[in-house]
Amino acid sequence: MRLIKIITFIAFIASFVSVICGFTMDVDYSQKLIGFGVMGVFFVVFPLFSYYRWKDKDPKDYMITKDSLDKMRENQKRGKY
């Protein structure tokens, strides 16, 4: 699992460097560098990061269902929250 963390970090650094180079370099394709950097962040880095962070978690734990609402109400009555 450590490999995906390293790949995500390298992709983030590459995207960040691409955006910085696009702003600082005076070349014809500087806008393309900025665009590729932003696309890299949103289409590569963010999905990899989301996958890495949510891999071992159950989405049902974070959904509001009737059971979770009943549990919250019961905890409020006990004074836990």
N, C-alpha and C. Protein backbone atom coordinates (compact mmCIF):
# COMPACT_ATOMS: atom_id res chain seq x y z
N MET A 1 0.82 -1.19 0.00
CA MET A 1 0.00 0.00 0.00
C MET A 1 0.86 1.25 0.00
N ARG A 2 2.06 1.10 0.40
CA ARG A 2 2.96 2.25 0.43
C ARG A 2 3.29 2.73 -0.98
N LEU A 3 3.24 1.83 -1.96
CA LEU A 3 3.56 2.19 -3.35
C LEU A 3 2.58 3.23 -3.89
N ILE A 4 1.31 3.07 -3.61
CA ILE A 4 0.32 4.03 -4.11
C ILE A 4 0.50 5.40 -3.48
N LYS A 5 0.97 5.43 -2.25
CA LYS A 5 1.25 6.70 -1.58
C LYS A 5 2.42 7.41 -2.27
N ILE A 6 3.43 6.67 -2.63
CA ILE A 6 4.59 7.24 -3.31
C ILE A 6 4.21 7.73 -4.71
N ILE A 7 3.41 6.93 -5.43
CA ILE A 7 2.97 7.33 -6.77
C ILE A 7 2.12 8.60 -6.70
N THR A 8 1.26 8.68 -5.71
CA THR A 8 0.43 9.87 -5.54
C THR A 8 1.29 11.10 -5.25
N PHE A 9 2.28 10.94 -4.40
CA PHE A 9 3.16 12.05 -4.06
C PHE A 9 3.96 12.50 -5.29
N ILE A 10 4.48 11.56 -6.07
CA ILE A 10 5.25 11.91 -7.27
C ILE A 10 4.36 12.61 -8.29
N ALA A 11 3.12 12.13 -8.46
CA ALA A 11 2.19 12.77 -9.40
C ALA A 11 1.85 14.18 -8.94
N PHE A 12 1.70 14.37 -7.63
CA PHE A 12 1.42 15.70 -7.11
C PHE A 12 2.58 16.65 -7.36
N ILE A 13 3.78 16.19 -7.09
CA ILE A 13 4.96 17.03 -7.32
C ILE A 13 5.11 17.37 -8.80
N ALA A 14 4.88 16.38 -9.68
CA ALA A 14 4.99 16.63 -11.12
C ALA A 14 3.94 17.64 -11.58
N SER A 15 2.73 17.54 -11.08
CA SER A 15 1.69 18.49 -11.45
C SER A 15 2.01 19.88 -10.93
N PHE A 16 2.48 19.94 -9.70
CA PHE A 16 2.82 21.24 -9.10
C PHE A 16 3.98 21.89 -9.86
N VAL A 17 4.98 21.12 -10.21
CA VAL A 17 6.13 21.66 -10.97
C VAL A 17 5.68 22.12 -12.35
N SER A 18 4.76 21.38 -12.97
CA SER A 18 4.25 21.78 -14.28
C SER A 18 3.54 23.13 -14.21
N VAL A 19 2.75 23.33 -13.18
CA VAL A 19 2.04 24.62 -13.03
C VAL A 19 3.05 25.74 -12.76
N ILE A 20 4.01 25.50 -11.89
CA ILE A 20 5.01 26.54 -11.58
C ILE A 20 5.84 26.87 -12.82
N CYS A 21 6.25 25.85 -13.56
CA CYS A 21 7.02 26.10 -14.80
C CYS A 21 6.17 26.88 -15.81
N GLY A 22 4.89 26.57 -15.88
CA GLY A 22 4.02 27.29 -16.80
C GLY A 22 3.90 28.77 -16.45
N PHE A 23 3.91 29.08 -15.17
CA PHE A 23 3.83 30.47 -14.76
C PHE A 23 5.15 31.21 -14.91
N THR A 24 6.26 30.52 -14.70
CA THR A 24 7.54 31.22 -14.68
C THR A 24 8.26 31.23 -16.02
N MET A 25 8.08 30.20 -16.82
CA MET A 25 8.80 30.14 -18.11
C MET A 25 8.08 30.98 -19.16
N ASP A 26 8.85 31.62 -20.01
CA ASP A 26 8.28 32.44 -21.08
C ASP A 26 8.42 31.69 -22.40
N VAL A 27 7.57 30.66 -22.56
CA VAL A 27 7.58 29.87 -23.79
C VAL A 27 6.17 29.86 -24.38
N ASP A 28 6.05 29.39 -25.62
CA ASP A 28 4.75 29.39 -26.30
C ASP A 28 3.75 28.45 -25.65
N TYR A 29 4.21 27.39 -25.05
CA TYR A 29 3.32 26.37 -24.51
C TYR A 29 3.17 26.47 -22.99
N SER A 30 3.37 27.64 -22.42
CA SER A 30 3.28 27.78 -20.97
C SER A 30 1.85 27.55 -20.47
N GLN A 31 0.84 27.95 -21.25
CA GLN A 31 -0.54 27.71 -20.84
C GLN A 31 -0.87 26.22 -20.85
N LYS A 32 -0.25 25.48 -21.77
CA LYS A 32 -0.46 24.03 -21.79
C LYS A 32 0.16 23.37 -20.56
N LEU A 33 1.31 23.87 -20.13
CA LEU A 33 1.92 23.33 -18.91
C LEU A 33 1.01 23.54 -17.69
N ILE A 34 0.43 24.73 -17.60
CA ILE A 34 -0.48 25.01 -16.50
C ILE A 34 -1.70 24.09 -16.58
N GLY A 35 -2.24 23.95 -17.78
CA GLY A 35 -3.42 23.10 -17.98
C GLY A 35 -3.16 21.64 -17.65
N PHE A 36 -2.01 21.13 -18.11
CA PHE A 36 -1.68 19.73 -17.80
C PHE A 36 -1.43 19.53 -16.31
N GLY A 37 -0.87 20.53 -15.66
CA GLY A 37 -0.67 20.43 -14.22
C GLY A 37 -1.97 20.38 -13.45
N VAL A 38 -2.92 21.23 -13.85
CA VAL A 38 -4.22 21.25 -13.18
C VAL A 38 -4.98 19.96 -13.48
N MET A 39 -4.94 19.50 -14.72
CA MET A 39 -5.60 18.23 -15.07
C MET A 39 -4.98 17.07 -14.31
N GLY A 40 -3.67 17.10 -14.15
CA GLY A 40 -3.00 16.04 -13.39
C GLY A 40 -3.46 15.98 -11.94
N VAL A 41 -3.65 17.15 -11.35
CA VAL A 41 -4.12 17.17 -9.96
C VAL A 41 -5.53 16.60 -9.87
N PHE A 42 -6.42 17.02 -10.76
CA PHE A 42 -7.82 16.62 -10.64
C PHE A 42 -8.12 15.23 -11.18
N PHE A 43 -7.38 14.78 -12.20
CA PHE A 43 -7.69 13.48 -12.79
C PHE A 43 -6.75 12.36 -12.38
N VAL A 44 -5.63 12.67 -11.76
CA VAL A 44 -4.69 11.64 -11.33
C VAL A 44 -4.49 11.67 -9.82
N VAL A 45 -4.06 12.80 -9.30
CA VAL A 45 -3.70 12.90 -7.88
C VAL A 45 -4.93 12.74 -6.98
N PHE A 46 -5.99 13.46 -7.25
CA PHE A 46 -7.16 13.39 -6.37
C PHE A 46 -7.80 11.99 -6.35
N PRO A 47 -8.01 11.32 -7.49
CA PRO A 47 -8.55 9.96 -7.41
C PRO A 47 -7.61 8.97 -6.69
N LEU A 48 -6.32 9.07 -6.93
CA LEU A 48 -5.38 8.19 -6.23
C LEU A 48 -5.40 8.44 -4.74
N PHE A 49 -5.43 9.71 -4.35
CA PHE A 49 -5.48 10.04 -2.94
C PHE A 49 -6.77 9.54 -2.30
N SER A 50 -7.90 9.73 -2.99
CA SER A 50 -9.19 9.26 -2.46
C SER A 50 -9.20 7.75 -2.31
N TYR A 51 -8.68 7.05 -3.29
CA TYR A 51 -8.62 5.59 -3.20
C TYR A 51 -7.74 5.15 -2.03
N TYR A 52 -6.60 5.80 -1.88
CA TYR A 52 -5.68 5.44 -0.81
C TYR A 52 -6.30 5.66 0.56
N ARG A 53 -7.04 6.76 0.73
CA ARG A 53 -7.62 7.08 2.03
C ARG A 53 -8.87 6.26 2.36
N TRP A 54 -9.63 5.83 1.35
CA TRP A 54 -10.89 5.13 1.58
C TRP A 54 -10.80 3.63 1.35
N LYS A 55 -9.64 3.10 1.08
CA LYS A 55 -9.51 1.70 0.70
C LYS A 55 -10.07 0.73 1.73
N ASP A 56 -9.75 0.86 2.97
CA ASP A 56 -10.15 -0.10 4.00
C ASP A 56 -11.36 0.35 4.81
N LYS A 57 -12.06 1.37 4.35
CA LYS A 57 -13.20 1.89 5.11
C LYS A 57 -14.51 1.46 4.45
N ASP A 58 -15.53 1.33 5.27
CA ASP A 58 -16.85 0.94 4.80
C ASP A 58 -17.70 2.20 4.61
N PRO A 59 -18.18 2.47 3.41
CA PRO A 59 -18.99 3.68 3.19
C PRO A 59 -20.28 3.70 4.00
N LYS A 60 -20.78 2.54 4.39
CA LYS A 60 -22.01 2.50 5.17
C LYS A 60 -21.83 3.14 6.55
N ASP A 61 -20.61 3.18 7.03
CA ASP A 61 -20.35 3.82 8.32
C ASP A 61 -20.55 5.33 8.26
N TYR A 62 -20.49 5.90 7.06
CA TYR A 62 -20.57 7.35 6.91
C TYR A 62 -21.91 7.80 6.33
N MET A 63 -22.84 6.87 6.10
CA MET A 63 -24.16 7.21 5.57
C MET A 63 -25.16 7.38 6.70
N ILE A 64 -26.09 8.30 6.51
CA ILE A 64 -27.15 8.49 7.49
C ILE A 64 -28.32 7.59 7.10
N THR A 65 -28.56 6.60 7.92
CA THR A 65 -29.66 5.68 7.73
C THR A 65 -30.58 5.75 8.94
N LYS A 66 -31.68 5.03 8.86
CA LYS A 66 -32.61 5.02 9.99
C LYS A 66 -31.94 4.45 11.24
N ASP A 67 -31.13 3.42 11.07
CA ASP A 67 -30.43 2.83 12.22
C ASP A 67 -29.45 3.81 12.85
N SER A 68 -28.69 4.54 12.00
CA SER A 68 -27.72 5.49 12.56
C SER A 68 -28.43 6.67 13.23
N LEU A 69 -29.58 7.10 12.68
CA LEU A 69 -30.34 8.17 13.33
C LEU A 69 -30.88 7.72 14.67
N ASP A 70 -31.38 6.48 14.73
CA ASP A 70 -31.87 5.96 16.01
C ASP A 70 -30.74 5.87 17.03
N LYS A 71 -29.56 5.47 16.58
CA LYS A 71 -28.41 5.37 17.48
C LYS A 71 -28.00 6.75 17.99
N MET A 72 -28.03 7.77 17.11
CA MET A 72 -27.69 9.12 17.53
C MET A 72 -28.70 9.66 18.54
N ARG A 73 -29.97 9.39 18.28
CA ARG A 73 -31.01 9.85 19.23
C ARG A 73 -30.86 9.17 20.59
N GLU A 74 -30.55 7.90 20.57
CA GLU A 74 -30.35 7.16 21.83
C GLU A 74 -29.15 7.72 22.60
N ASN A 75 -28.07 8.03 21.88
CA ASN A 75 -26.89 8.61 22.53
C ASN A 75 -27.17 10.01 23.08
N GLN A 76 -28.02 10.77 22.41
CA GLN A 76 -28.37 12.10 22.91
C GLN A 76 -29.19 11.99 24.20
N LYS A 77 -30.04 10.99 24.26
CA LYS A 77 -30.84 10.81 25.46
C LYS A 77 -29.96 10.41 26.65
N ARG A 78 -28.90 9.66 26.37
CA ARG A 78 -27.98 9.25 27.43
C ARG A 78 -27.05 10.38 27.85
N GLY A 79 -26.95 11.40 27.02
CA GLY A 79 -26.09 12.53 27.35
C GLY A 79 -24.66 12.38 26.86
N LYS A 80 -24.45 11.52 25.87
CA LYS A 80 -23.08 11.35 25.36
C LYS A 80 -22.68 12.49 24.45
N TYR A 81 -23.63 13.13 23.81
CA TYR A 81 -23.30 14.22 22.88
C TYR A 81 -23.86 15.52 23.35
